[in-house]
Amino acid sequence: MDRSPNVYSLNISCCNLLQDDQITSLVLRSLNIQKLVLSGLNHLSDSGLKQIVDALYKDLAVLKLDKCSKLTSDSIKYVFYKCKSLKELSIMFCYNITDDAFSMLDESNYPLRCIYLGACLQLTESVIERITNFCPNLKTLSVPCMKSVSDISLKLIGRQCPQLNHLNVAFCEKVTSLGIRHLVNGCAHIKHLDISGIEDLTDYSLTLIGRSCFYLKCLDISNGVYYSEDGIFDLVKKCKLLQTLKMRAKSPRHQFPPKFFTKLHELRPHLSV
């Protein structure tokens, strides 16, 4: 097998016709890979991923496994056990992953900075607790559509992740405006916040965000039904660095009139809405 020693980043995502042995053979041509993207490889098995991890664990910093439908908690647990330099992990839409996958995440200063768990439907809130306990340098946490994420999760994040600057809790049905209050009280450095689908956001919620999140650049509050034009204007005035504001209406009756957008443009001409 020909080696490629100078390959440090490999992306073979969505090559879903590749079989397990072909995936491992292709990846193991280089033992210096630091970033590995295997998303959408439906035939990648636990044993195949373990073989890859055994070869790359010393240098592997970024691992993306979204939509790898055959993977279970067994191999993800092995990733945490071996890859002590891992800074980014993405396992979105891996439906077989349970809390056990994170049982090896037990070091008080694990280097993980970015983790993406969207639509991992079997995970419970205890995973959020473990991540916030053992990943003090967390910068990005994406958990959209996770039914178990609640206000308690946001309270933990606000308490224990002061360096967080990207958070996505879109359509987490147990999250309310109370959780948002806990979050912004602790995460003052947040820059990108997606709280779309949290229907009970009010003008007061937006006021709290404006007061606390001075570095906010992108905010998604789509599908909210209780905030008003005044709340939006107050938020935009306070968040001087805001560049993008997403606020898709849940239904036609919740849409703001054209004159609102005209006033918003006059207030912040460069704001993308």
Protein backbone atom coordinates (compact mmCIF):
# COMPACT_ATOMS: atom_id res chain seq x y z
CA MET A 1 0.00 0.00 0.00
CA ASP A 2 1.44 3.40 -1.02
CA ARG A 3 1.95 5.78 1.88
CA SER A 4 1.16 9.51 1.90
CA PRO A 5 3.20 10.79 4.85
CA ASN A 6 2.55 14.47 4.16
CA VAL A 7 -1.24 14.28 4.36
CA TYR A 8 -2.43 16.04 7.51
CA SER A 9 -6.09 16.55 6.60
CA LEU A 10 -8.36 14.00 4.92
CA ASN A 11 -11.99 14.38 3.90
CA ILE A 12 -13.77 11.39 2.36
CA SER A 13 -17.24 12.34 3.58
CA CYS A 14 -20.30 11.07 1.74
CA CYS A 15 -18.36 8.42 -0.20
CA ASN A 16 -21.08 6.11 1.01
CA LEU A 17 -20.26 3.28 -1.38
CA LEU A 18 -16.96 2.65 0.39
CA GLN A 19 -16.95 -0.52 2.47
CA ASP A 20 -15.44 -0.71 5.94
CA ASP A 21 -12.12 -2.24 4.85
CA GLN A 22 -11.79 0.29 2.00
CA ILE A 23 -12.30 3.19 4.41
CA THR A 24 -9.63 1.99 6.82
CA SER A 25 -7.21 1.18 4.00
CA LEU A 26 -7.62 4.66 2.53
CA VAL A 27 -7.25 6.48 5.83
CA LEU A 28 -4.23 4.50 7.00
CA ARG A 29 -2.12 5.50 4.02
CA SER A 30 -1.06 8.42 6.18
CA LEU A 31 -0.25 8.16 9.88
CA ASN A 32 0.11 11.92 10.35
CA ILE A 33 -3.54 12.92 9.91
CA GLN A 34 -4.66 15.64 12.30
CA LYS A 35 -8.09 16.36 10.78
CA LEU A 36 -10.27 13.48 9.59
CA VAL A 37 -13.75 13.88 8.09
CA LEU A 38 -15.67 10.62 7.61
CA SER A 39 -19.22 12.00 7.66
CA GLY A 40 -21.89 10.02 5.84
CA LEU A 41 -19.90 6.78 5.58
CA ASN A 42 -22.71 4.32 6.26
CA HIS A 43 -20.47 1.27 6.22
CA LEU A 44 -17.92 2.48 8.77
CA SER A 45 -18.11 0.08 11.72
CA ASP A 46 -16.98 0.29 15.32
CA SER A 47 -14.08 -2.03 14.59
CA GLY A 48 -13.05 0.05 11.57
CA LEU A 49 -13.08 3.28 13.56
CA LYS A 50 -11.08 1.66 16.37
CA GLN A 51 -8.46 0.54 13.87
CA ILE A 52 -8.21 4.10 12.56
CA VAL A 53 -7.96 5.52 16.07
CA ASP A 54 -5.21 3.06 17.03
CA ALA A 55 -3.11 4.36 14.14
CA LEU A 56 -3.84 8.11 14.43
CA TYR A 57 -4.57 8.81 18.08
CA LYS A 58 -1.35 10.70 18.87
CA ASP A 59 -1.94 13.56 16.42
CA LEU A 60 -5.69 13.44 15.75
CA ALA A 61 -7.25 16.80 16.69
CA VAL A 62 -10.44 16.95 14.61
CA LEU A 63 -12.78 14.02 13.94
CA LYS A 64 -16.11 14.34 12.11
CA LEU A 65 -18.41 11.33 12.01
CA ASP A 66 -21.83 12.83 11.24
CA LYS A 67 -24.40 10.38 9.84
CA CYS A 68 -22.15 7.34 10.29
CA SER A 69 -25.18 5.20 10.97
CA LYS A 70 -23.43 1.97 12.04
CA LEU A 71 -21.33 3.51 14.80
CA THR A 72 -22.29 2.85 18.41
CA SER A 73 -21.18 4.17 21.77
CA ASP A 74 -18.47 1.51 21.89
CA SER A 75 -16.25 3.17 19.29
CA ILE A 76 -16.91 6.74 20.46
CA LYS A 77 -15.92 5.73 23.97
CA TYR A 78 -12.71 4.36 22.49
CA VAL A 79 -12.06 7.69 20.78
CA PHE A 80 -12.17 9.48 24.14
CA TYR A 81 -9.99 6.80 25.72
CA LYS A 82 -7.22 7.03 23.11
CA CYS A 83 -7.33 10.51 21.58
CA LYS A 84 -5.99 12.78 24.31
CA SER A 85 -5.25 15.58 21.82
CA LEU A 86 -8.77 15.68 20.36
CA LYS A 87 -10.08 19.24 20.12
CA GLU A 88 -13.17 18.81 17.91
CA LEU A 89 -15.68 15.97 17.63
CA SER A 90 -18.83 15.88 15.52
CA ILE A 91 -21.26 12.97 15.74
CA MET A 92 -24.49 14.58 14.57
CA PHE A 93 -27.25 12.23 13.42
CA CYS A 94 -25.50 9.20 14.91
CA TYR A 95 -28.67 7.67 16.28
CA ASN A 96 -27.05 4.71 18.07
CA ILE A 97 -24.94 6.84 20.40
CA THR A 98 -25.92 6.72 24.08
CA ASP A 99 -24.57 8.29 27.27
CA ASP A 100 -22.08 5.44 27.60
CA ALA A 101 -20.08 6.95 24.73
CA PHE A 102 -18.96 9.71 27.11
CA SER A 103 -18.08 7.52 30.08
CA MET A 104 -14.35 7.80 29.28
CA LEU A 105 -14.56 11.58 29.36
CA ASP A 106 -13.30 11.70 32.92
CA GLU A 107 -10.22 13.91 32.97
CA SER A 108 -10.56 17.29 34.59
CA ASN A 109 -8.87 19.16 31.76
CA TYR A 110 -9.79 17.35 28.54
CA PRO A 111 -8.70 19.48 25.53
CA LEU A 112 -12.02 19.22 23.66
CA ARG A 113 -13.07 22.67 22.43
CA CYS A 114 -15.81 21.98 19.91
CA ILE A 115 -18.48 19.29 20.05
CA TYR A 116 -21.48 18.74 17.79
CA LEU A 117 -24.22 16.39 19.00
CA GLY A 118 -27.26 17.49 17.02
CA ALA A 119 -30.07 14.94 16.71
CA CYS A 120 -28.31 12.31 18.86
CA LEU A 121 -31.70 11.38 20.22
CA GLN A 122 -30.60 8.81 22.81
CA LEU A 123 -28.34 11.17 24.73
CA THR A 124 -29.59 12.52 28.05
CA GLU A 125 -28.86 15.65 30.01
CA SER A 126 -26.11 13.88 31.98
CA VAL A 127 -23.91 14.13 28.87
CA ILE A 128 -24.12 17.93 29.03
CA GLU A 129 -23.12 17.74 32.69
CA ARG A 130 -20.11 15.55 31.88
CA ILE A 131 -18.99 17.78 29.02
CA THR A 132 -19.24 20.95 31.11
CA ASN A 133 -17.41 19.26 34.02
CA PHE A 134 -14.46 17.93 32.07
CA CYS A 135 -14.06 20.34 29.14
CA PRO A 136 -13.28 23.71 30.75
CA ASN A 137 -11.96 25.19 27.50
CA LEU A 138 -15.10 24.48 25.49
CA LYS A 139 -15.65 27.05 22.76
CA THR A 140 -18.44 25.50 20.67
CA LEU A 141 -21.38 23.34 21.72
CA SER A 142 -24.04 22.39 19.19
CA VAL A 143 -26.98 20.31 20.44
CA PRO A 144 -29.97 21.23 18.24
CA CYS A 145 -33.12 19.10 18.39
CA MET A 146 -31.94 17.21 21.49
CA LYS A 147 -35.08 16.47 23.47
CA SER A 148 -33.21 16.03 26.76
CA VAL A 149 -31.54 19.45 26.79
CA SER A 150 -33.35 21.74 29.22
CA ASP A 151 -32.94 24.88 31.30
CA ILE A 152 -30.79 22.83 33.68
CA SER A 153 -28.37 22.20 30.81
CA LEU A 154 -28.14 25.92 30.07
CA LYS A 155 -27.57 26.66 33.74
CA LEU A 156 -24.64 24.20 33.76
CA ILE A 157 -23.24 25.73 30.57
CA GLY A 158 -23.54 29.25 31.96
CA ARG A 159 -21.81 28.23 35.18
CA GLN A 160 -18.97 26.13 33.83
CA CYS A 161 -18.20 27.27 30.26
CA PRO A 162 -17.12 30.92 30.55
CA GLN A 163 -15.10 30.72 27.32
CA LEU A 164 -18.00 29.47 25.19
CA ASN A 165 -18.53 31.55 22.05
CA HIS A 166 -20.76 29.31 19.88
CA LEU A 167 -23.95 27.67 21.17
CA ASN A 168 -26.77 26.03 19.22
CA VAL A 169 -29.80 24.83 21.19
CA ALA A 170 -32.27 25.30 18.35
CA PHE A 171 -35.57 23.46 18.79
CA CYS A 172 -34.59 21.95 22.13
CA GLU A 173 -38.16 21.75 23.32
CA LYS A 174 -37.39 21.81 27.06
CA VAL A 175 -35.40 25.05 26.88
CA THR A 176 -37.28 28.19 27.95
CA SER A 177 -36.50 31.85 28.48
CA LEU A 178 -35.43 30.97 32.05
CA GLY A 179 -32.61 28.85 30.66
CA ILE A 180 -31.53 31.70 28.39
CA ARG A 181 -31.25 33.93 31.45
CA HIS A 182 -28.98 31.42 33.18
CA LEU A 183 -26.89 31.08 30.03
CA VAL A 184 -26.20 34.75 29.34
CA ASN A 185 -25.36 35.43 32.98
CA GLY A 186 -22.31 33.15 32.64
CA CYS A 187 -21.33 33.19 28.98
CA ALA A 188 -20.42 36.80 28.41
CA HIS A 189 -18.09 36.02 25.49
CA ILE A 190 -20.66 34.29 23.32
CA LYS A 191 -20.52 35.38 19.68
CA HIS A 192 -22.89 33.01 17.88
CA LEU A 193 -26.15 31.98 19.52
CA ASP A 194 -28.92 29.91 17.93
CA ILE A 195 -32.04 29.77 20.09
CA SER A 196 -34.49 29.40 17.23
CA GLY A 197 -37.61 27.41 18.03
CA ILE A 198 -37.73 28.56 21.67
CA GLU A 199 -41.20 29.99 21.48
CA ASP A 200 -41.49 31.75 24.84
CA LEU A 201 -38.71 34.27 24.20
CA THR A 202 -39.91 37.69 25.32
CA ASP A 203 -38.69 41.26 25.10
CA TYR A 204 -37.14 40.73 28.54
CA SER A 205 -35.18 37.75 27.17
CA LEU A 206 -33.78 39.95 24.41
CA THR A 207 -32.97 42.69 26.92
CA LEU A 208 -30.93 40.22 28.99
CA ILE A 209 -29.05 39.07 25.90
CA GLY A 210 -28.34 42.68 24.96
CA ARG A 211 -27.11 43.54 28.46
CA SER A 212 -24.79 40.56 28.80
CA CYS A 213 -23.58 39.48 25.36
CA PHE A 214 -21.42 42.41 24.27
CA TYR A 215 -19.49 40.31 21.75
CA LEU A 216 -22.53 38.82 20.02
CA LYS A 217 -22.15 38.72 16.23
CA CYS A 218 -24.86 36.30 15.09
CA LEU A 219 -28.22 35.57 16.73
CA ASP A 220 -31.04 33.33 15.55
CA ILE A 221 -34.38 33.83 17.32
CA SER A 222 -36.59 32.41 14.58
CA ASN A 223 -40.00 30.99 15.46
CA GLY A 224 -40.40 33.07 18.59
CA VAL A 225 -43.92 34.38 19.09
CA TYR A 226 -43.81 36.68 22.15
CA TYR A 227 -41.10 39.26 21.49
CA SER A 228 -42.03 42.57 19.86
CA GLU A 229 -40.50 45.25 17.66
CA ASP A 230 -39.42 47.16 20.78
CA GLY A 231 -37.53 44.12 22.06
CA ILE A 232 -35.69 43.75 18.76
CA PHE A 233 -34.75 47.44 18.64
CA ASP A 234 -33.48 47.33 22.23
CA LEU A 235 -31.35 44.26 21.47
CA VAL A 236 -29.84 45.77 18.34
CA LYS A 237 -28.99 49.02 20.12
CA LYS A 238 -27.16 47.17 22.89
CA CYS A 239 -25.32 44.58 20.74
CA LYS A 240 -22.96 46.91 18.89
CA LEU A 241 -21.06 44.06 17.19
CA LEU A 242 -24.14 42.22 15.91
CA GLN A 243 -23.77 41.41 12.21
CA THR A 244 -26.54 38.85 11.56
CA LEU A 245 -30.00 38.60 13.06
CA LYS A 246 -32.20 35.71 11.95
CA MET A 247 -35.86 35.97 12.88
CA ARG A 248 -37.97 33.87 10.55
CA ALA A 249 -41.61 34.06 11.56
CA LYS A 250 -43.35 30.91 12.77
CA SER A 251 -46.39 31.77 10.67
CA PRO A 252 -47.64 34.69 8.54
CA ARG A 253 -49.53 36.17 11.48
CA HIS A 254 -46.26 36.52 13.40
CA GLN A 255 -44.44 38.42 10.67
CA PHE A 256 -43.28 41.97 11.30
CA PRO A 257 -44.51 44.65 8.86
CA PRO A 258 -42.20 46.08 6.17
CA LYS A 259 -41.88 49.40 8.00
CA PHE A 260 -40.23 47.57 10.92
CA PHE A 261 -37.43 46.36 8.66
CA THR A 262 -37.05 49.85 7.21
CA LYS A 263 -36.55 51.29 10.70
CA LEU A 264 -34.15 48.48 11.59
CA HIS A 265 -32.09 49.23 8.49
CA GLU A 266 -31.99 52.91 9.40
CA LEU A 267 -30.78 52.00 12.88
CA ARG A 268 -28.12 49.49 11.70
CA PRO A 269 -27.56 49.75 7.93
CA HIS A 270 -25.01 46.92 7.82
CA LEU A 271 -27.02 44.42 9.87
CA SER A 272 -28.02 41.34 7.89
CA VAL A 273 -31.60 40.33 8.72
